[in-house]
Amino acid sequence: MRCSAPTLAPQFARPAAYGDLLAALLALAALIALRWRWPLALPLVWLFNVVGTVDLLYAVFQGMTNNVGPHLGSAWYIPTFAVPALFITHAMIFAMLVRRSR
């Protein structure tokens, strides 16, 4: 399996891609569980949020460690806009989950 950007370090790209895929699948499962009011809906939301946050933290750390900035090309907007927005979204979800558990 090759990366779309040939100069992008595979030790960064593969885990980031698989982490994003796992977080997306968990988010969809949590959404469905919430919609159908399944008993495991809130634990699934917790799992999605923890996995998504850890994935973002790992990707940021690996991106800085492997100096991926110059290799992103037109995908520069992801760490510039999308990642901060996702961190804020995860923080808001954590706040809602903690408030609900009280």
PDB file of N, CA and C in Angstrom:
ATOM      1  N   MET A   1       0.840  -1.170   0.000  1.00  0.00           N
ATOM      2  CA  MET A   1       0.000   0.000   0.000  1.00  0.00           C
ATOM      3  C   MET A   1       0.893   1.243   0.000  1.00  0.00           C
ATOM      4  N   ARG A   2       0.668   2.150  -0.952  1.00  0.00           N
ATOM      5  CA  ARG A   2       1.459   3.369  -1.031  1.00  0.00           C
ATOM      6  C   ARG A   2       0.649   4.553  -0.555  1.00  0.00           C
ATOM      7  N   CYS A   3       1.341   5.533  -0.045  1.00  0.00           N
ATOM      8  CA  CYS A   3       0.711   6.785   0.358  1.00  0.00           C
ATOM      9  C   CYS A   3       0.404   7.604  -0.890  1.00  0.00           C
ATOM     10  N   SER A   4      -0.573   8.494  -0.782  1.00  0.00           N
ATOM     11  CA  SER A   4      -0.898   9.338  -1.934  1.00  0.00           C
ATOM     12  C   SER A   4       0.224  10.352  -2.200  1.00  0.00           C
ATOM     13  N   ALA A   5       0.911  10.763  -1.161  1.00  0.00           N
ATOM     14  CA  ALA A   5       2.050  11.665  -1.320  1.00  0.00           C
ATOM     15  C   ALA A   5       3.320  10.832  -1.171  1.00  0.00           C
ATOM     16  N   PRO A   6       4.075  10.661  -2.242  1.00  0.00           N
ATOM     17  CA  PRO A   6       5.229   9.763  -2.182  1.00  0.00           C
ATOM     18  C   PRO A   6       6.285  10.165  -1.161  1.00  0.00           C
ATOM     19  N   THR A   7       6.348  11.433  -0.785  1.00  0.00           N
ATOM     20  CA  THR A   7       7.373  11.861   0.169  1.00  0.00           C
ATOM     21  C   THR A   7       6.862  11.862   1.608  1.00  0.00           C
ATOM     22  N   LEU A   8       5.580  11.578   1.807  1.00  0.00           N
ATOM     23  CA  LEU A   8       5.018  11.550   3.150  1.00  0.00           C
ATOM     24  C   LEU A   8       5.445  10.270   3.863  1.00  0.00           C
ATOM     25  N   ALA A   9       5.986  10.401   5.057  1.00  0.00           N
ATOM     26  CA  ALA A   9       6.524   9.257   5.809  1.00  0.00           C
ATOM     27  C   ALA A   9       5.422   8.235   6.092  1.00  0.00           C
ATOM     28  N   PRO A  10       5.611   6.984   5.678  1.00  0.00           N
ATOM     29  CA  PRO A  10       4.609   5.943   5.933  1.00  0.00           C
ATOM     30  C   PRO A  10       4.359   5.723   7.425  1.00  0.00           C
ATOM     31  N   GLN A  11       5.388   5.922   8.269  1.00  0.00           N
ATOM     32  CA  GLN A  11       5.184   5.750   9.706  1.00  0.00           C
ATOM     33  C   GLN A  11       4.239   6.807  10.272  1.00  0.00           C
ATOM     34  N   PHE A  12       4.013   7.875   9.525  1.00  0.00           N
ATOM     35  CA  PHE A  12       3.006   8.865   9.900  1.00  0.00           C
ATOM     36  C   PHE A  12       1.677   8.574   9.204  1.00  0.00           C
ATOM     37  N   ALA A  13       1.721   8.342   7.908  1.00  0.00           N
ATOM     38  CA  ALA A  13       0.507   8.268   7.097  1.00  0.00           C
ATOM     39  C   ALA A  13      -0.373   7.068   7.436  1.00  0.00           C
ATOM     40  N   ARG A  14       0.211   5.896   7.575  1.00  0.00           N
ATOM     41  CA  ARG A  14      -0.602   4.686   7.809  1.00  0.00           C
ATOM     42  C   ARG A  14      -1.348   4.731   9.133  1.00  0.00           C
ATOM     43  N   PRO A  15      -0.651   4.961  10.264  1.00  0.00           N
ATOM     44  CA  PRO A  15      -1.395   5.012  11.526  1.00  0.00           C
ATOM     45  C   PRO A  15      -2.438   6.139  11.555  1.00  0.00           C
ATOM     46  N   ALA A  16      -2.116   7.272  10.939  1.00  0.00           N
ATOM     47  CA  ALA A  16      -3.071   8.377  10.906  1.00  0.00           C
ATOM     48  C   ALA A  16      -4.316   7.979  10.109  1.00  0.00           C
ATOM     49  N   ALA A  17      -4.118   7.328   8.980  1.00  0.00           N
ATOM     50  CA  ALA A  17      -5.253   6.919   8.147  1.00  0.00           C
ATOM     51  C   ALA A  17      -6.109   5.864   8.847  1.00  0.00           C
ATOM     52  N   TYR A  18      -5.452   4.862   9.437  1.00  0.00           N
ATOM     53  CA  TYR A  18      -6.220   3.821  10.124  1.00  0.00           C
ATOM     54  C   TYR A  18      -6.908   4.360  11.377  1.00  0.00           C
ATOM     55  N   GLY A  19      -6.268   5.281  12.076  1.00  0.00           N
ATOM     56  CA  GLY A  19      -6.901   5.916  13.233  1.00  0.00           C
ATOM     57  C   GLY A  19      -8.114   6.730  12.826  1.00  0.00           C
ATOM     58  N   ASP A  20      -7.996   7.461  11.725  1.00  0.00           N
ATOM     59  CA  ASP A  20      -9.133   8.229  11.217  1.00  0.00           C
ATOM     60  C   ASP A  20     -10.284   7.306  10.818  1.00  0.00           C
ATOM     61  N   LEU A  21      -9.948   6.197  10.167  1.00  0.00           N
ATOM     62  CA  LEU A  21     -10.980   5.238   9.759  1.00  0.00           C
ATOM     63  C   LEU A  21     -11.689   4.656  10.976  1.00  0.00           C
ATOM     64  N   LEU A  22     -10.929   4.246  11.987  1.00  0.00           N
ATOM     65  CA  LEU A  22     -11.528   3.692  13.204  1.00  0.00           C
ATOM     66  C   LEU A  22     -12.423   4.725  13.892  1.00  0.00           C
ATOM     67  N   ALA A  23     -11.948   5.961  14.010  1.00  0.00           N
ATOM     68  CA  ALA A  23     -12.740   7.019  14.639  1.00  0.00           C
ATOM     69  C   ALA A  23     -14.021   7.282  13.854  1.00  0.00           C
ATOM     70  N   ALA A  24     -13.941   7.277  12.541  1.00  0.00           N
ATOM     71  CA  ALA A  24     -15.126   7.511  11.714  1.00  0.00           C
ATOM     72  C   ALA A  24     -16.142   6.381  11.876  1.00  0.00           C
ATOM     73  N   LEU A  25     -15.672   5.142  11.889  1.00  0.00           N
ATOM     74  CA  LEU A  25     -16.584   4.004  12.066  1.00  0.00           C
ATOM     75  C   LEU A  25     -17.237   4.029  13.444  1.00  0.00           C
ATOM     76  N   LEU A  26     -16.461   4.359  14.470  1.00  0.00           N
ATOM     77  CA  LEU A  26     -17.034   4.472  15.811  1.00  0.00           C
ATOM     78  C   LEU A  26     -18.035   5.622  15.906  1.00  0.00           C
ATOM     79  N   ALA A  27     -17.748   6.725  15.221  1.00  0.00           N
ATOM     80  CA  ALA A  27     -18.677   7.859  15.218  1.00  0.00           C
ATOM     81  C   ALA A  27     -20.004   7.469  14.567  1.00  0.00           C
ATOM     82  N   LEU A  28     -19.939   6.756  13.451  1.00  0.00           N
ATOM     83  CA  LEU A  28     -21.170   6.306  12.798  1.00  0.00           C
ATOM     84  C   LEU A  28     -21.947   5.336  13.677  1.00  0.00           C
ATOM     85  N   ALA A  29     -21.231   4.409  14.307  1.00  0.00           N
ATOM     86  CA  ALA A  29     -21.891   3.458  15.206  1.00  0.00           C
ATOM     87  C   ALA A  29     -22.534   4.183  16.385  1.00  0.00           C
ATOM     88  N   ALA A  30     -21.839   5.175  16.939  1.00  0.00           N
ATOM     89  CA  ALA A  30     -22.392   5.944  18.057  1.00  0.00           C
ATOM     90  C   ALA A  30     -23.623   6.730  17.624  1.00  0.00           C
ATOM     91  N   LEU A  31     -23.561   7.295  16.442  1.00  0.00           N
ATOM     92  CA  LEU A  31     -24.709   8.044  15.924  1.00  0.00           C
ATOM     93  C   LEU A  31     -25.932   7.151  15.781  1.00  0.00           C
ATOM     94  N   ILE A  32     -25.737   5.978  15.214  1.00  0.00           N
ATOM     95  CA  ILE A  32     -26.847   5.032  15.042  1.00  0.00           C
ATOM     96  C   ILE A  32     -27.367   4.589  16.409  1.00  0.00           C
ATOM     97  N   ALA A  33     -26.460   4.289  17.329  1.00  0.00           N
ATOM     98  CA  ALA A  33     -26.865   3.846  18.666  1.00  0.00           C
ATOM     99  C   ALA A  33     -27.654   4.934  19.398  1.00  0.00           C
ATOM    100  N   LEU A  34     -27.234   6.182  19.266  1.00  0.00           N
ATOM    101  CA  LEU A  34     -27.963   7.278  19.884  1.00  0.00           C
ATOM    102  C   LEU A  34     -29.340   7.448  19.252  1.00  0.00           C
ATOM    103  N   ARG A  35     -29.373   7.360  17.942  1.00  0.00           N
ATOM    104  CA  ARG A  35     -30.656   7.541  17.230  1.00  0.00           C
ATOM    105  C   ARG A  35     -31.672   6.494  17.632  1.00  0.00           C
ATOM    106  N   TRP A  36     -31.214   5.262  17.791  1.00  0.00           N
ATOM    107  CA  TRP A  36     -32.123   4.164  18.145  1.00  0.00           C
ATOM    108  C   TRP A  36     -32.198   3.931  19.649  1.00  0.00           C
ATOM    109  N   ARG A  37     -31.547   4.812  20.421  1.00  0.00           N
ATOM    110  CA  ARG A  37     -31.590   4.774  21.893  1.00  0.00           C
ATOM    111  C   ARG A  37     -31.180   3.415  22.461  1.00  0.00           C
ATOM    112  N   TRP A  38     -30.107   2.887  21.916  1.00  0.00           N
ATOM    113  CA  TRP A  38     -29.578   1.618  22.414  1.00  0.00           C
ATOM    114  C   TRP A  38     -28.952   1.841  23.783  1.00  0.00           C
ATOM    115  N   PRO A  39     -28.995   0.842  24.655  1.00  0.00           N
ATOM    116  CA  PRO A  39     -28.413   0.999  25.998  1.00  0.00           C
ATOM    117  C   PRO A  39     -26.907   1.294  25.986  1.00  0.00           C
ATOM    118  N   LEU A  40     -26.198   0.810  24.985  1.00  0.00           N
ATOM    119  CA  LEU A  40     -24.752   1.042  24.914  1.00  0.00           C
ATOM    120  C   LEU A  40     -24.381   2.309  24.153  1.00  0.00           C
ATOM    121  N   ALA A  41     -25.351   3.169  23.898  1.00  0.00           N
ATOM    122  CA  ALA A  41     -25.085   4.363  23.093  1.00  0.00           C
ATOM    123  C   ALA A  41     -24.056   5.277  23.755  1.00  0.00           C
ATOM    124  N   LEU A  42     -24.254   5.620  25.021  1.00  0.00           N
ATOM    125  CA  LEU A  42     -23.319   6.545  25.675  1.00  0.00           C
ATOM    126  C   LEU A  42     -21.930   5.944  25.848  1.00  0.00           C
ATOM    127  N   PRO A  43     -21.790   4.672  26.250  1.00  0.00           N
ATOM    128  CA  PRO A  43     -20.437   4.110  26.266  1.00  0.00           C
ATOM    129  C   PRO A  43     -19.777   4.125  24.884  1.00  0.00           C
ATOM    130  N   LEU A  44     -20.561   3.944  23.842  1.00  0.00           N
ATOM    131  CA  LEU A  44     -20.020   3.991  22.482  1.00  0.00           C
ATOM    132  C   LEU A  44     -19.568   5.405  22.125  1.00  0.00           C
ATOM    133  N   VAL A  45     -20.301   6.419  22.580  1.00  0.00           N
ATOM    134  CA  VAL A  45     -19.893   7.810  22.360  1.00  0.00           C
ATOM    135  C   VAL A  45     -18.590   8.094  23.112  1.00  0.00           C
ATOM    136  N   TRP A  46     -18.493   7.602  24.348  1.00  0.00           N
ATOM    137  CA  TRP A  46     -17.251   7.754  25.103  1.00  0.00           C
ATOM    138  C   TRP A  46     -16.097   7.117  24.347  1.00  0.00           C
ATOM    139  N   LEU A  47     -16.304   5.886  23.874  1.00  0.00           N
ATOM    140  CA  LEU A  47     -15.247   5.172  23.154  1.00  0.00           C
ATOM    141  C   LEU A  47     -14.824   5.941  21.909  1.00  0.00           C
ATOM    142  N   PHE A  48     -15.811   6.390  21.121  1.00  0.00           N
ATOM    143  CA  PHE A  48     -15.497   7.173  19.922  1.00  0.00           C
ATOM    144  C   PHE A  48     -14.689   8.414  20.283  1.00  0.00           C
ATOM    145  N   ASN A  49     -15.117   9.128  21.322  1.00  0.00           N
ATOM    146  CA  ASN A  49     -14.464  10.387  21.656  1.00  0.00           C
ATOM    147  C   ASN A  49     -13.040  10.174  22.160  1.00  0.00           C
ATOM    148  N   VAL A  50     -12.821   9.143  22.951  1.00  0.00           N
ATOM    149  CA  VAL A  50     -11.474   8.859  23.435  1.00  0.00           C
ATOM    150  C   VAL A  50     -10.575   8.436  22.264  1.00  0.00           C
ATOM    151  N   VAL A  51     -11.066   7.510  21.433  1.00  0.00           N
ATOM    152  CA  VAL A  51     -10.283   7.041  20.287  1.00  0.00           C
ATOM    153  C   VAL A  51      -9.987   8.199  19.333  1.00  0.00           C
ATOM    154  N   GLY A  52     -10.991   9.024  19.050  1.00  0.00           N
ATOM    155  CA  GLY A  52     -10.793  10.166  18.152  1.00  0.00           C
ATOM    156  C   GLY A  52      -9.789  11.163  18.684  1.00  0.00           C
ATOM    157  N   THR A  53      -9.844  11.441  19.985  1.00  0.00           N
ATOM    158  CA  THR A  53      -8.905  12.384  20.592  1.00  0.00           C
ATOM    159  C   THR A  53      -7.486  11.820  20.591  1.00  0.00           C
ATOM    160  N   VAL A  54      -7.343  10.544  20.963  1.00  0.00           N
ATOM    161  CA  VAL A  54      -6.019   9.918  20.964  1.00  0.00           C
ATOM    162  C   VAL A  54      -5.453   9.882  19.545  1.00  0.00           C
ATOM    163  N   ASP A  55      -6.308   9.591  18.569  1.00  0.00           N
ATOM    164  CA  ASP A  55      -5.867   9.584  17.173  1.00  0.00           C
ATOM    165  C   ASP A  55      -5.346  10.959  16.760  1.00  0.00           C
ATOM    166  N   LEU A  56      -6.055  12.008  17.117  1.00  0.00           N
ATOM    167  CA  LEU A  56      -5.608  13.363  16.785  1.00  0.00           C
ATOM    168  C   LEU A  56      -4.290  13.699  17.476  1.00  0.00           C
ATOM    169  N   LEU A  57      -4.194  13.380  18.764  1.00  0.00           N
ATOM    170  CA  LEU A  57      -2.961  13.664  19.498  1.00  0.00           C
ATOM    171  C   LEU A  57      -1.784  12.907  18.901  1.00  0.00           C
ATOM    172  N   TYR A  58      -2.006  11.635  18.567  1.00  0.00           N
ATOM    173  CA  TYR A  58      -0.939  10.830  17.967  1.00  0.00           C
ATOM    174  C   TYR A  58      -0.523  11.410  16.616  1.00  0.00           C
ATOM    175  N   ALA A  59      -1.499  11.791  15.801  1.00  0.00           N
ATOM    176  CA  ALA A  59      -1.182  12.336  14.476  1.00  0.00           C
ATOM    177  C   ALA A  59      -0.424  13.658  14.585  1.00  0.00           C
ATOM    178  N   VAL A  60      -0.817  14.503  15.515  1.00  0.00           N
ATOM    179  CA  VAL A  60      -0.109  15.778  15.696  1.00  0.00           C
ATOM    180  C   VAL A  60       1.320  15.510  16.156  1.00  0.00           C
ATOM    181  N   PHE A  61       1.475  14.620  17.144  1.00  0.00           N
ATOM    182  CA  PHE A  61       2.816  14.299  17.635  1.00  0.00           C
ATOM    183  C   PHE A  61       3.683  13.716  16.519  1.00  0.00           C
ATOM    184  N   GLN A  62       3.156  12.735  15.785  1.00  0.00           N
ATOM    185  CA  GLN A  62       3.915  12.113  14.706  1.00  0.00           C
ATOM    186  C   GLN A  62       4.199  13.103  13.578  1.00  0.00           C
ATOM    187  N   GLY A  63       3.229  13.955  13.292  1.00  0.00           N
ATOM    188  CA  GLY A  63       3.432  14.962  12.249  1.00  0.00           C
ATOM    189  C   GLY A  63       4.555  15.916  12.587  1.00  0.00           C
ATOM    190  N   MET A  64       4.624  16.312  13.863  1.00  0.00           N
ATOM    191  CA  MET A  64       5.707  17.207  14.281  1.00  0.00           C
ATOM    192  C   MET A  64       7.039  16.463  14.341  1.00  0.00           C
ATOM    193  N   THR A  65       7.009  15.232  14.823  1.00  0.00           N
ATOM    194  CA  THR A  65       8.232  14.436  14.938  1.00  0.00           C
ATOM    195  C   THR A  65       8.827  14.119  13.571  1.00  0.00           C
ATOM    196  N   ASN A  66       7.968  13.793  12.611  1.00  0.00           N
ATOM    197  CA  ASN A  66       8.432  13.412  11.270  1.00  0.00           C
ATOM    198  C   ASN A  66       8.477  14.581  10.298  1.00  0.00           C
ATOM    199  N   ASN A  67       8.199  15.794  10.780  1.00  0.00           N
ATOM    200  CA  ASN A  67       8.249  16.995   9.940  1.00  0.00           C
ATOM    201  C   ASN A  67       7.485  16.808   8.624  1.00  0.00           C
ATOM    202  N   VAL A  68       6.189  16.508   8.745  1.00  0.00           N
ATOM    203  CA  VAL A  68       5.394  16.230   7.550  1.00  0.00           C
ATOM    204  C   VAL A  68       4.897  17.496   6.849  1.00  0.00           C
ATOM    205  N   GLY A  69       5.013  18.641   7.494  1.00  0.00           N
ATOM    206  CA  GLY A  69       4.510  19.882   6.913  1.00  0.00           C
ATOM    207  C   GLY A  69       4.896  20.117   5.464  1.00  0.00           C
ATOM    208  N   PRO A  70       6.181  20.049   5.126  1.00  0.00           N
ATOM    209  CA  PRO A  70       6.582  20.298   3.740  1.00  0.00           C
ATOM    210  C   PRO A  70       6.075  19.249   2.746  1.00  0.00           C
ATOM    211  N   HIS A  71       5.585  18.116   3.237  1.00  0.00           N
ATOM    212  CA  HIS A  71       5.148  17.030   2.358  1.00  0.00           C
ATOM    213  C   HIS A  71       3.636  16.988   2.169  1.00  0.00           C
ATOM    214  N   LEU A  72       2.912  17.889   2.812  1.00  0.00           N
ATOM    215  CA  LEU A  72       1.451  17.842   2.743  1.00  0.00           C
ATOM    216  C   LEU A  72       0.885  18.373   1.434  1.00  0.00           C
ATOM    217  N   GLY A  73       1.609  19.252   0.794  1.00  0.00           N
ATOM    218  CA  GLY A  73       1.108  19.815  -0.463  1.00  0.00           C
ATOM    219  C   GLY A  73      -0.195  20.564  -0.254  1.00  0.00           C
ATOM    220  N   SER A  74      -1.186  20.240  -1.065  1.00  0.00           N
ATOM    221  CA  SER A  74      -2.466  20.954  -0.984  1.00  0.00           C
ATOM    222  C   SER A  74      -3.297  20.537   0.228  1.00  0.00           C
ATOM    223  N   ALA A  75      -2.851  19.574   0.995  1.00  0.00           N
ATOM    224  CA  ALA A  75      -3.576  19.150   2.195  1.00  0.00           C
ATOM    225  C   ALA A  75      -3.140  19.952   3.427  1.00  0.00           C
ATOM    226  N   TRP A  76      -2.491  21.076   3.233  1.00  0.00           N
ATOM    227  CA  TRP A  76      -2.031  21.918   4.339  1.00  0.00           C
ATOM    228  C   TRP A  76      -3.187  22.378   5.221  1.00  0.00           C
ATOM    229  N   TYR A  77      -4.390  22.453   4.663  1.00  0.00           N
ATOM    230  CA  TYR A  77      -5.541  22.947   5.411  1.00  0.00           C
ATOM    231  C   TYR A  77      -5.967  21.976   6.522  1.00  0.00           C
ATOM    232  N   ILE A  78      -5.593  20.695   6.416  1.00  0.00           N
ATOM    233  CA  ILE A  78      -6.015  19.718   7.426  1.00  0.00           C
ATOM    234  C   ILE A  78      -5.439  20.068   8.796  1.00  0.00           C
ATOM    235  N   PRO A  79      -4.110  20.184   8.950  1.00  0.00           N
ATOM    236  CA  PRO A  79      -3.608  20.551  10.280  1.00  0.00           C
ATOM    237  C   PRO A  79      -3.883  22.009  10.651  1.00  0.00           C
ATOM    238  N   THR A  80      -4.121  22.837   9.643  1.00  0.00           N
ATOM    239  CA  THR A  80      -4.342  24.263   9.915  1.00  0.00           C
ATOM    240  C   THR A  80      -5.748  24.549  10.413  1.00  0.00           C
ATOM    241  N   PHE A  81      -6.761  23.913   9.811  1.00  0.00           N
ATOM    242  CA  PHE A  81      -8.152  24.206  10.155  1.00  0.00           C
ATOM    243  C   PHE A  81      -8.914  23.010  10.719  1.00  0.00           C
ATOM    244  N   ALA A  82      -8.806  21.863  10.080  1.00  0.00           N
ATOM    245  CA  ALA A  82      -9.623  20.707  10.466  1.00  0.00           C
ATOM    246  C   ALA A  82      -9.223  20.155  11.834  1.00  0.00           C
ATOM    247  N   VAL A  83      -7.938  19.997  12.083  1.00  0.00           N
ATOM    248  CA  VAL A  83      -7.502  19.402  13.357  1.00  0.00           C
ATOM    249  C   VAL A  83      -7.902  20.283  14.553  1.00  0.00           C
ATOM    250  N   PRO A  84      -7.666  21.592  14.537  1.00  0.00           N
ATOM    251  CA  PRO A  84      -8.141  22.405  15.674  1.00  0.00           C
ATOM    252  C   PRO A  84      -9.661  22.331  15.854  1.00  0.00           C
ATOM    253  N   ALA A  85     -10.399  22.326  14.758  1.00  0.00           N
ATOM    254  CA  ALA A  85     -11.861  22.219  14.856  1.00  0.00           C
ATOM    255  C   ALA A  85     -12.267  20.877  15.466  1.00  0.00           C
ATOM    256  N   LEU A  86     -11.565  19.815  15.110  1.00  0.00           N
ATOM    257  CA  LEU A  86     -11.870  18.502  15.681  1.00  0.00           C
ATOM    258  C   LEU A  86     -11.521  18.455  17.169  1.00  0.00           C
ATOM    259  N   PHE A  87     -10.426  19.077  17.578  1.00  0.00           N
ATOM    260  CA  PHE A  87     -10.090  19.130  19.005  1.00  0.00           C
ATOM    261  C   PHE A  87     -11.192  19.851  19.785  1.00  0.00           C
ATOM    262  N   ILE A  88     -11.677  20.949  19.250  1.00  0.00           N
ATOM    263  CA  ILE A  88     -12.747  21.699  19.912  1.00  0.00           C
ATOM    264  C   ILE A  88     -14.015  20.846  19.992  1.00  0.00           C
ATOM    265  N   THR A  89     -14.337  20.157  18.911  1.00  0.00           N
ATOM    266  CA  THR A  89     -15.520  19.293  18.897  1.00  0.00           C
ATOM    267  C   THR A  89     -15.399  18.184  19.934  1.00  0.00           C
ATOM    268  N   HIS A  90     -14.243  17.542  20.008  1.00  0.00           N
ATOM    269  CA  HIS A  90     -14.052  16.487  21.013  1.00  0.00           C
ATOM    270  C   HIS A  90     -14.169  17.055  22.427  1.00  0.00           C
ATOM    271  N   ALA A  91     -13.608  18.232  22.674  1.00  0.00           N
ATOM    272  CA  ALA A  91     -13.710  18.856  24.001  1.00  0.00           C
ATOM    273  C   ALA A  91     -15.163  19.144  24.351  1.00  0.00           C
ATOM    274  N   MET A  92     -15.940  19.605  23.391  1.00  0.00           N
ATOM    275  CA  MET A  92     -17.354  19.882  23.636  1.00  0.00           C
ATOM    276  C   MET A  92     -18.123  18.597  23.944  1.00  0.00           C
ATOM    277  N   ILE A  93     -17.805  17.533  23.226  1.00  0.00           N
ATOM    278  CA  ILE A  93     -18.463  16.247  23.483  1.00  0.00           C
ATOM    279  C   ILE A  93     -18.092  15.740  24.869  1.00  0.00           C
ATOM    280  N   PHE A  94     -16.808  15.833  25.245  1.00  0.00           N
ATOM    281  CA  PHE A  94     -16.403  15.426  26.592  1.00  0.00           C
ATOM    282  C   PHE A  94     -17.174  16.229  27.645  1.00  0.00           C
ATOM    283  N   ALA A  95     -17.295  17.534  27.446  1.00  0.00           N
ATOM    284  CA  ALA A  95     -18.015  18.377  28.405  1.00  0.00           C
ATOM    285  C   ALA A  95     -19.472  17.931  28.529  1.00  0.00           C
ATOM    286  N   MET A  96     -20.100  17.625  27.410  1.00  0.00           N
ATOM    287  CA  MET A  96     -21.499  17.168  27.450  1.00  0.00           C
ATOM    288  C   MET A  96     -21.621  15.815  28.144  1.00  0.00           C
ATOM    289  N   LEU A  97     -20.679  14.907  27.885  1.00  0.00           N
ATOM    290  CA  LEU A  97     -20.724  13.593  28.509  1.00  0.00           C
ATOM    291  C   LEU A  97     -20.503  13.686  30.018  1.00  0.00           C
ATOM    292  N   VAL A  98     -19.559  14.511  30.432  1.00  0.00           N
ATOM    293  CA  VAL A  98     -19.303  14.668  31.871  1.00  0.00           C
ATOM    294  C   VAL A  98     -20.505  15.310  32.547  1.00  0.00           C
ATOM    295  N   ARG A  99     -21.074  16.323  31.928  1.00  0.00           N
ATOM    296  CA  ARG A  99     -22.240  17.002  32.500  1.00  0.00           C
ATOM    297  C   ARG A  99     -23.414  16.032  32.624  1.00  0.00           C
ATOM    298  N   ARG A 100     -23.574  15.174  31.628  1.00  0.00           N
ATOM    299  CA  ARG A 100     -24.682  14.207  31.642  1.00  0.00           C
ATOM    300  C   ARG A 100     -24.486  13.134  32.714  1.00  0.00           C
ATOM    301  N   SER A 101     -23.246  12.778  33.004  1.00  0.00           N
ATOM    302  CA  SER A 101     -22.985  11.722  33.980  1.00  0.00           C
ATOM    303  C   SER A 101     -23.190  12.188  35.421  1.00  0.00           C
ATOM    304  N   ARG A 102     -23.278  13.477  35.629  1.00  0.00           N
ATOM    305  CA  ARG A 102     -23.484  14.002  37.010  1.00  0.00           C
ATOM    306  C   ARG A 102     -24.921  13.879  37.437  1.00  0.00           C
TER     307      ARG A 102
END
